[in-house]
């Protein structure tokens, strides 16, 4: 079964929130975040404002493959709002 963009976004938000709270990210979680970001950023149906947020996450993730400490709540809020529009 293929995940919809909505499911991918929810999974991404859950992963971001969890690792932000725990201050720990497993290799599996890092790879899952990579796969979700690649899938969503390559989808032509993704809203440009959401794409900007996804690219910010991807940029920080590529620069530093450790748990995110900044911007997670802003990203989750942005992605959640974009899902409803």
PDB file of N, CA and C in Angstrom:
ATOM      1  N   UNK A   1       0.843  -1.173   0.000  1.00  0.00           N
ATOM      2  CA  UNK A   1       0.000   0.000   0.000  1.00  0.00           C
ATOM      3  C   UNK A   1       0.895   1.246   0.000  1.00  0.00           C
ATOM      4  N   UNK A   2       0.590   2.154  -0.871  1.00  0.00           N
ATOM      5  CA  UNK A   2       1.340   3.398  -0.992  1.00  0.00           C
ATOM      6  C   UNK A   2       0.811   4.420   0.018  1.00  0.00           C
ATOM      7  N   UNK A   3       1.736   5.133   0.627  1.00  0.00           N
ATOM      8  CA  UNK A   3       1.345   6.189   1.559  1.00  0.00           C
ATOM      9  C   UNK A   3       0.965   7.445   0.794  1.00  0.00           C
ATOM     10  N   UNK A   4      -0.104   8.092   1.215  1.00  0.00           N
ATOM     11  CA  UNK A   4      -0.483   9.378   0.634  1.00  0.00           C
ATOM     12  C   UNK A   4       0.453  10.454   1.178  1.00  0.00           C
ATOM     13  N   UNK A   5       0.454  11.612   0.530  1.00  0.00           N
ATOM     14  CA  UNK A   5       1.273  12.717   1.029  1.00  0.00           C
ATOM     15  C   UNK A   5       0.870  13.104   2.445  1.00  0.00           C
ATOM     16  N   UNK A   6      -0.401  13.030   2.721  1.00  0.00           N
ATOM     17  CA  UNK A   6      -0.878  13.362   4.069  1.00  0.00           C
ATOM     18  C   UNK A   6      -0.275  12.413   5.101  1.00  0.00           C
ATOM     19  N   UNK A   7      -0.253  11.118   4.776  1.00  0.00           N
ATOM     20  CA  UNK A   7       0.348  10.143   5.690  1.00  0.00           C
ATOM     21  C   UNK A   7       1.854  10.355   5.820  1.00  0.00           C
ATOM     22  N   UNK A   8       2.514  10.667   4.716  1.00  0.00           N
ATOM     23  CA  UNK A   8       3.956  10.924   4.749  1.00  0.00           C
ATOM     24  C   UNK A   8       4.260  12.133   5.628  1.00  0.00           C
ATOM     25  N   UNK A   9       3.453  13.174   5.487  1.00  0.00           N
ATOM     26  CA  UNK A   9       3.666  14.378   6.293  1.00  0.00           C
ATOM     27  C   UNK A   9       3.444  14.103   7.771  1.00  0.00           C
ATOM     28  N   UNK A  10       2.412  13.327   8.077  1.00  0.00           N
ATOM     29  CA  UNK A  10       2.144  13.006   9.475  1.00  0.00           C
ATOM     30  C   UNK A  10       3.276  12.181  10.064  1.00  0.00           C
ATOM     31  N   UNK A  11       3.780  11.218   9.300  1.00  0.00           N
ATOM     32  CA  UNK A  11       4.900  10.409   9.758  1.00  0.00           C
ATOM     33  C   UNK A  11       6.142  11.281   9.963  1.00  0.00           C
ATOM     34  N   UNK A  12       6.411  12.172   9.028  1.00  0.00           N
ATOM     35  CA  UNK A  12       7.549  13.082   9.152  1.00  0.00           C
ATOM     36  C   UNK A  12       7.404  13.944  10.407  1.00  0.00           C
ATOM     37  N   UNK A  13       6.239  14.500  10.616  1.00  0.00           N
ATOM     38  CA  UNK A  13       6.002  15.326  11.814  1.00  0.00           C
ATOM     39  C   UNK A  13       6.198  14.517  13.089  1.00  0.00           C
ATOM     40  N   UNK A  14       5.695  13.276  13.100  1.00  0.00           N
ATOM     41  CA  UNK A  14       5.861  12.416  14.275  1.00  0.00           C
ATOM     42  C   UNK A  14       7.336  12.135  14.547  1.00  0.00           C
ATOM     43  N   UNK A  15       8.093  11.823  13.489  1.00  0.00           N
ATOM     44  CA  UNK A  15       9.524  11.559  13.651  1.00  0.00           C
ATOM     45  C   UNK A  15      10.261  12.790  14.163  1.00  0.00           C
ATOM     46  N   UNK A  16       9.940  13.952  13.603  1.00  0.00           N
ATOM     47  CA  UNK A  16      10.595  15.191  14.024  1.00  0.00           C
ATOM     48  C   UNK A  16      10.294  15.507  15.483  1.00  0.00           C
ATOM     49  N   UNK A  17       9.029  15.390  15.855  1.00  0.00           N
ATOM     50  CA  UNK A  17       8.648  15.696  17.234  1.00  0.00           C
ATOM     51  C   UNK A  17       9.283  14.716  18.212  1.00  0.00           C
ATOM     52  N   UNK A  18       9.280  13.439  17.856  1.00  0.00           N
ATOM     53  CA  UNK A  18       9.839  12.430  18.743  1.00  0.00           C
ATOM     54  C   UNK A  18      11.328  12.643  18.971  1.00  0.00           C
ATOM     55  N   UNK A  19      12.071  12.821  17.892  1.00  0.00           N
ATOM     56  CA  UNK A  19      13.510  12.976  18.076  1.00  0.00           C
ATOM     57  C   UNK A  19      13.849  14.305  18.726  1.00  0.00           C
ATOM     58  N   UNK A  20      13.021  15.314  18.535  1.00  0.00           N
ATOM     59  CA  UNK A  20      13.251  16.597  19.199  1.00  0.00           C
ATOM     60  C   UNK A  20      13.048  16.460  20.709  1.00  0.00           C
ATOM     61  N   UNK A  21      12.024  15.711  21.091  1.00  0.00           N
ATOM     62  CA  UNK A  21      11.743  15.484  22.505  1.00  0.00           C
ATOM     63  C   UNK A  21      12.806  14.600  23.143  1.00  0.00           C
ATOM     64  N   UNK A  22      13.155  13.534  22.445  1.00  0.00           N
ATOM     65  CA  UNK A  22      14.119  12.560  22.976  1.00  0.00           C
ATOM     66  C   UNK A  22      15.566  13.011  22.834  1.00  0.00           C
ATOM     67  N   UNK A  23      15.834  13.962  21.937  1.00  0.00           N
ATOM     68  CA  UNK A  23      17.199  14.415  21.638  1.00  0.00           C
ATOM     69  C   UNK A  23      18.068  13.250  21.174  1.00  0.00           C
ATOM     70  N   UNK A  24      17.450  12.341  20.420  1.00  0.00           N
ATOM     71  CA  UNK A  24      18.148  11.166  19.934  1.00  0.00           C
ATOM     72  C   UNK A  24      17.502  10.729  18.631  1.00  0.00           C
ATOM     73  N   UNK A  25      18.320  10.311  17.673  1.00  0.00           N
ATOM     74  CA  UNK A  25      17.801   9.835  16.397  1.00  0.00           C
ATOM     75  C   UNK A  25      18.585   8.584  16.001  1.00  0.00           C
ATOM     76  N   UNK A  26      17.861   7.499  15.761  1.00  0.00           N
ATOM     77  CA  UNK A  26      18.527   6.284  15.308  1.00  0.00           C
ATOM     78  C   UNK A  26      18.871   6.423  13.823  1.00  0.00           C
ATOM     79  N   UNK A  27      19.746   5.552  13.350  1.00  0.00           N
ATOM     80  CA  UNK A  27      20.066   5.547  11.918  1.00  0.00           C
ATOM     81  C   UNK A  27      18.813   5.274  11.096  1.00  0.00           C
ATOM     82  N   UNK A  28      17.966   4.379  11.580  1.00  0.00           N
ATOM     83  CA  UNK A  28      16.721   4.067  10.879  1.00  0.00           C
ATOM     84  C   UNK A  28      15.812   5.282  10.767  1.00  0.00           C
ATOM     85  N   UNK A  29      15.713   6.050  11.844  1.00  0.00           N
ATOM     86  CA  UNK A  29      14.899   7.261  11.808  1.00  0.00           C
ATOM     87  C   UNK A  29      15.484   8.286  10.846  1.00  0.00           C
ATOM     88  N   UNK A  30      16.801   8.426  10.852  1.00  0.00           N
ATOM     89  CA  UNK A  30      17.457   9.368   9.939  1.00  0.00           C
ATOM     90  C   UNK A  30      17.198   8.972   8.484  1.00  0.00           C
ATOM     91  N   UNK A  31      17.290   7.675   8.189  1.00  0.00           N
ATOM     92  CA  UNK A  31      17.037   7.203   6.823  1.00  0.00           C
ATOM     93  C   UNK A  31      15.567   7.386   6.442  1.00  0.00           C
ATOM     94  N   UNK A  32      14.677   7.151   7.392  1.00  0.00           N
ATOM     95  CA  UNK A  32      13.246   7.335   7.118  1.00  0.00           C
ATOM     96  C   UNK A  32      12.946   8.806   6.823  1.00  0.00           C
ATOM     97  N   UNK A  33      13.536   9.706   7.578  1.00  0.00           N
ATOM     98  CA  UNK A  33      13.360  11.139   7.324  1.00  0.00           C
ATOM     99  C   UNK A  33      13.883  11.481   5.934  1.00  0.00           C
ATOM    100  N   UNK A  34      15.058  10.942   5.580  1.00  0.00           N
ATOM    101  CA  UNK A  34      15.605  11.166   4.237  1.00  0.00           C
ATOM    102  C   UNK A  34      14.633  10.718   3.157  1.00  0.00           C
ATOM    103  N   UNK A  35      14.114   9.511   3.304  1.00  0.00           N
ATOM    104  CA  UNK A  35      13.197   8.964   2.284  1.00  0.00           C
ATOM    105  C   UNK A  35      11.917   9.790   2.182  1.00  0.00           C
ATOM    106  N   UNK A  36      11.375  10.184   3.319  1.00  0.00           N
ATOM    107  CA  UNK A  36      10.156  10.991   3.298  1.00  0.00           C
ATOM    108  C   UNK A  36      10.397  12.342   2.636  1.00  0.00           C
ATOM    109  N   UNK A  37      11.508  12.983   2.995  1.00  0.00           N
ATOM    110  CA  UNK A  37      11.827  14.289   2.416  1.00  0.00           C
ATOM    111  C   UNK A  37      12.054  14.181   0.914  1.00  0.00           C
ATOM    112  N   UNK A  38      12.768  13.156   0.467  1.00  0.00           N
ATOM    113  CA  UNK A  38      13.007  12.979  -0.961  1.00  0.00           C
ATOM    114  C   UNK A  38      11.700  12.754  -1.707  1.00  0.00           C
ATOM    115  N   UNK A  39      10.862  11.915  -1.160  1.00  0.00           N
ATOM    116  CA  UNK A  39       9.587  11.618  -1.806  1.00  0.00           C
ATOM    117  C   UNK A  39       8.706  12.863  -1.913  1.00  0.00           C
ATOM    118  N   UNK A  40       8.610  13.602  -0.829  1.00  0.00           N
ATOM    119  CA  UNK A  40       7.735  14.776  -0.813  1.00  0.00           C
ATOM    120  C   UNK A  40       8.278  15.925  -1.667  1.00  0.00           C
ATOM    121  N   UNK A  41       9.593  16.143  -1.638  1.00  0.00           N
ATOM    122  CA  UNK A  41      10.147  17.266  -2.402  1.00  0.00           C
ATOM    123  C   UNK A  41      10.137  17.001  -3.901  1.00  0.00           C
ATOM    124  N   UNK A  42      10.082  15.750  -4.292  1.00  0.00           N
ATOM    125  CA  UNK A  42      10.035  15.412  -5.722  1.00  0.00           C
ATOM    126  C   UNK A  42       8.615  15.361  -6.284  1.00  0.00           C
ATOM    127  N   UNK A  43       7.637  15.436  -5.421  1.00  0.00           N
ATOM    128  CA  UNK A  43       6.244  15.355  -5.854  1.00  0.00           C
ATOM    129  C   UNK A  43       5.793  16.703  -6.402  1.00  0.00           C
ATOM    130  N   UNK A  44       5.374  16.759  -7.667  1.00  0.00           N
ATOM    131  CA  UNK A  44       4.962  18.033  -8.259  1.00  0.00           C
ATOM    132  C   UNK A  44       3.669  18.600  -7.672  1.00  0.00           C
ATOM    133  N   UNK A  45       2.943  17.793  -6.923  1.00  0.00           N
ATOM    134  CA  UNK A  45       1.675  18.240  -6.338  1.00  0.00           C
ATOM    135  C   UNK A  45       1.833  18.905  -4.980  1.00  0.00           C
ATOM    136  N   UNK A  46       3.057  18.932  -4.462  1.00  0.00           N
ATOM    137  CA  UNK A  46       3.293  19.542  -3.152  1.00  0.00           C
ATOM    138  C   UNK A  46       3.236  21.064  -3.293  1.00  0.00           C
ATOM    139  N   UNK A  47       2.502  21.676  -2.383  1.00  0.00           N
ATOM    140  CA  UNK A  47       2.339  23.122  -2.371  1.00  0.00           C
ATOM    141  C   UNK A  47       3.701  23.808  -2.206  1.00  0.00           C
ATOM    142  N   UNK A  48       3.943  24.904  -2.937  1.00  0.00           N
ATOM    143  CA  UNK A  48       5.242  25.591  -2.855  1.00  0.00           C
ATOM    144  C   UNK A  48       5.628  26.045  -1.448  1.00  0.00           C
ATOM    145  N   UNK A  49       4.679  26.464  -0.638  1.00  0.00           N
ATOM    146  CA  UNK A  49       5.026  26.885   0.726  1.00  0.00           C
ATOM    147  C   UNK A  49       5.446  25.683   1.560  1.00  0.00           C
ATOM    148  N   UNK A  50       4.807  24.543   1.353  1.00  0.00           N
ATOM    149  CA  UNK A  50       5.194  23.330   2.044  1.00  0.00           C
ATOM    150  C   UNK A  50       6.564  22.871   1.548  1.00  0.00           C
ATOM    151  N   UNK A  51       6.793  22.997   0.264  1.00  0.00           N
ATOM    152  CA  UNK A  51       8.070  22.611  -0.325  1.00  0.00           C
ATOM    153  C   UNK A  51       9.215  23.402   0.305  1.00  0.00           C
ATOM    154  N   UNK A  52       8.986  24.660   0.557  1.00  0.00           N
ATOM    155  CA  UNK A  52      10.004  25.503   1.191  1.00  0.00           C
ATOM    156  C   UNK A  52      10.348  24.970   2.588  1.00  0.00           C
ATOM    157  N   UNK A  53       9.343  24.605   3.351  1.00  0.00           N
ATOM    158  CA  UNK A  53       9.569  24.049   4.689  1.00  0.00           C
ATOM    159  C   UNK A  53      10.309  22.725   4.595  1.00  0.00           C
ATOM    160  N   UNK A  54       9.893  21.867   3.662  1.00  0.00           N
ATOM    161  CA  UNK A  54      10.545  20.573   3.482  1.00  0.00           C
ATOM    162  C   UNK A  54      12.014  20.742   3.094  1.00  0.00           C
ATOM    163  N   UNK A  55      12.296  21.728   2.266  1.00  0.00           N
ATOM    164  CA  UNK A  55      13.676  21.979   1.862  1.00  0.00           C
ATOM    165  C   UNK A  55      14.519  22.494   3.020  1.00  0.00           C
ATOM    166  N   UNK A  56      13.910  23.283   3.908  1.00  0.00           N
ATOM    167  CA  UNK A  56      14.627  23.745   5.102  1.00  0.00           C
ATOM    168  C   UNK A  56      15.000  22.564   5.992  1.00  0.00           C
ATOM    169  N   UNK A  57      14.059  21.646   6.174  1.00  0.00           N
ATOM    170  CA  UNK A  57      14.317  20.456   6.983  1.00  0.00           C
ATOM    171  C   UNK A  57      15.412  19.617   6.327  1.00  0.00           C
ATOM    172  N   UNK A  58      15.291  19.433   5.034  1.00  0.00           N
ATOM    173  CA  UNK A  58      16.260  18.625   4.295  1.00  0.00           C
ATOM    174  C   UNK A  58      17.661  19.227   4.369  1.00  0.00           C
ATOM    175  N   UNK A  59      17.733  20.528   4.235  1.00  0.00           N
ATOM    176  CA  UNK A  59      19.019  21.217   4.296  1.00  0.00           C
ATOM    177  C   UNK A  59      19.680  21.026   5.660  1.00  0.00           C
ATOM    178  N   UNK A  60      18.929  21.214   6.717  1.00  0.00           N
ATOM    179  CA  UNK A  60      19.497  21.042   8.058  1.00  0.00           C
ATOM    180  C   UNK A  60      19.862  19.580   8.296  1.00  0.00           C
ATOM    181  N   UNK A  61      19.045  18.678   7.814  1.00  0.00           N
ATOM    182  CA  UNK A  61      19.289  17.251   8.015  1.00  0.00           C
ATOM    183  C   UNK A  61      20.553  16.804   7.286  1.00  0.00           C
ATOM    184  N   UNK A  62      20.784  17.326   6.091  1.00  0.00           N
ATOM    185  CA  UNK A  62      21.968  16.962   5.320  1.00  0.00           C
ATOM    186  C   UNK A  62      23.232  17.555   5.927  1.00  0.00           C
ATOM    187  N   UNK A  63      23.114  18.728   6.494  1.00  0.00           N
ATOM    188  CA  UNK A  63      24.276  19.371   7.093  1.00  0.00           C
ATOM    189  C   UNK A  63      24.679  18.718   8.405  1.00  0.00           C
ATOM    190  N   UNK A  64      23.697  18.216   9.105  1.00  0.00           N
ATOM    191  CA  UNK A  64      23.967  17.707  10.444  1.00  0.00           C
ATOM    192  C   UNK A  64      23.021  16.547  10.720  1.00  0.00           C
ATOM    193  N   UNK A  65      23.477  15.333  10.586  1.00  0.00           N
ATOM    194  CA  UNK A  65      22.625  14.158  10.725  1.00  0.00           C
ATOM    195  C   UNK A  65      22.406  13.783  12.196  1.00  0.00           C
ATOM    196  N   UNK A  66      22.227  14.791  13.018  1.00  0.00           N
ATOM    197  CA  UNK A  66      21.906  14.588  14.422  1.00  0.00           C
ATOM    198  C   UNK A  66      20.474  15.084  14.653  1.00  0.00           C
ATOM    199  N   UNK A  67      19.908  14.796  15.818  1.00  0.00           N
ATOM    200  CA  UNK A  67      18.548  15.269  16.083  1.00  0.00           C
ATOM    201  C   UNK A  67      18.420  16.782  15.912  1.00  0.00           C
ATOM    202  N   UNK A  68      17.296  17.184  15.397  1.00  0.00           N
ATOM    203  CA  UNK A  68      17.010  18.600  15.222  1.00  0.00           C
ATOM    204  C   UNK A  68      16.707  19.198  16.587  1.00  0.00           C
ATOM    205  N   UNK A  69      17.216  20.388  16.827  1.00  0.00           N
ATOM    206  CA  UNK A  69      16.914  21.052  18.089  1.00  0.00           C
ATOM    207  C   UNK A  69      16.166  22.356  17.863  1.00  0.00           C
ATOM    208  N   UNK A  70      16.332  22.934  16.701  1.00  0.00           N
ATOM    209  CA  UNK A  70      15.695  24.216  16.407  1.00  0.00           C
ATOM    210  C   UNK A  70      14.626  24.040  15.347  1.00  0.00           C
ATOM    211  N   UNK A  71      13.660  24.884  15.381  1.00  0.00           N
ATOM    212  CA  UNK A  71      12.661  25.005  14.325  1.00  0.00           C
ATOM    213  C   UNK A  71      11.661  23.858  14.217  1.00  0.00           C
ATOM    214  N   UNK A  72      11.789  22.794  15.003  1.00  0.00           N
ATOM    215  CA  UNK A  72      10.898  21.648  14.836  1.00  0.00           C
ATOM    216  C   UNK A  72       9.442  22.045  15.022  1.00  0.00           C
ATOM    217  N   UNK A  73       9.136  22.784  16.067  1.00  0.00           N
ATOM    218  CA  UNK A  73       7.728  23.150  16.299  1.00  0.00           C
ATOM    219  C   UNK A  73       7.202  24.045  15.178  1.00  0.00           C
ATOM    220  N   UNK A  74       8.045  24.940  14.665  1.00  0.00           N
ATOM    221  CA  UNK A  74       7.629  25.784  13.539  1.00  0.00           C
ATOM    222  C   UNK A  74       7.384  24.944  12.288  1.00  0.00           C
ATOM    223  N   UNK A  75       8.262  23.978  12.039  1.00  0.00           N
ATOM    224  CA  UNK A  75       8.100  23.116  10.865  1.00  0.00           C
ATOM    225  C   UNK A  75       6.825  22.295  10.974  1.00  0.00           C
ATOM    226  N   UNK A  76       6.596  21.710  12.140  1.00  0.00           N
ATOM    227  CA  UNK A  76       5.417  20.866  12.330  1.00  0.00           C
ATOM    228  C   UNK A  76       4.152  21.703  12.167  1.00  0.00           C
ATOM    229  N   UNK A  77       4.147  22.897  12.726  1.00  0.00           N
ATOM    230  CA  UNK A  77       3.000  23.786  12.579  1.00  0.00           C
ATOM    231  C   UNK A  77       2.773  24.130  11.117  1.00  0.00           C
ATOM    232  N   UNK A  78       3.827  24.468  10.424  1.00  0.00           N
ATOM    233  CA  UNK A  78       3.735  24.824   9.003  1.00  0.00           C
ATOM    234  C   UNK A  78       3.210  23.645   8.181  1.00  0.00           C
ATOM    235  N   UNK A  79       3.755  22.465   8.410  1.00  0.00           N
ATOM    236  CA  UNK A  79       3.336  21.305   7.646  1.00  0.00           C
ATOM    237  C   UNK A  79       1.896  20.910   7.987  1.00  0.00           C
ATOM    238  N   UNK A  80       1.516  21.065   9.237  1.00  0.00           N
ATOM    239  CA  UNK A  80       0.150  20.746   9.650  1.00  0.00           C
ATOM    240  C   UNK A  80      -0.846  21.708   9.035  1.00  0.00           C
ATOM    241  N   UNK A  81      -0.490  22.991   9.020  1.00  0.00           N
ATOM    242  CA  UNK A  81      -1.379  23.983   8.412  1.00  0.00           C
ATOM    243  C   UNK A  81      -1.520  23.748   6.913  1.00  0.00           C
ATOM    244  N   UNK A  82      -0.424  23.398   6.258  1.00  0.00           N
ATOM    245  CA  UNK A  82      -0.452  23.174   4.822  1.00  0.00           C
ATOM    246  C   UNK A  82      -1.255  21.944   4.458  1.00  0.00           C
ATOM    247  N   UNK A  83      -1.351  20.975   5.350  1.00  0.00           N
ATOM    248  CA  UNK A  83      -2.139  19.784   5.089  1.00  0.00           C
ATOM    249  C   UNK A  83      -3.620  20.097   5.031  1.00  0.00           C
ATOM    250  N   UNK A  84      -4.054  21.094   5.788  1.00  0.00           N
ATOM    251  CA  UNK A  84      -5.479  21.401   5.862  1.00  0.00           C
ATOM    252  C   UNK A  84      -5.934  22.287   4.728  1.00  0.00           C
ATOM    253  N   UNK A  85      -5.013  22.874   3.991  1.00  0.00           N
ATOM    254  CA  UNK A  85      -5.398  23.766   2.900  1.00  0.00           C
ATOM    255  C   UNK A  85      -5.439  23.034   1.593  1.00  0.00           C
TER     256      UNK A  85
END
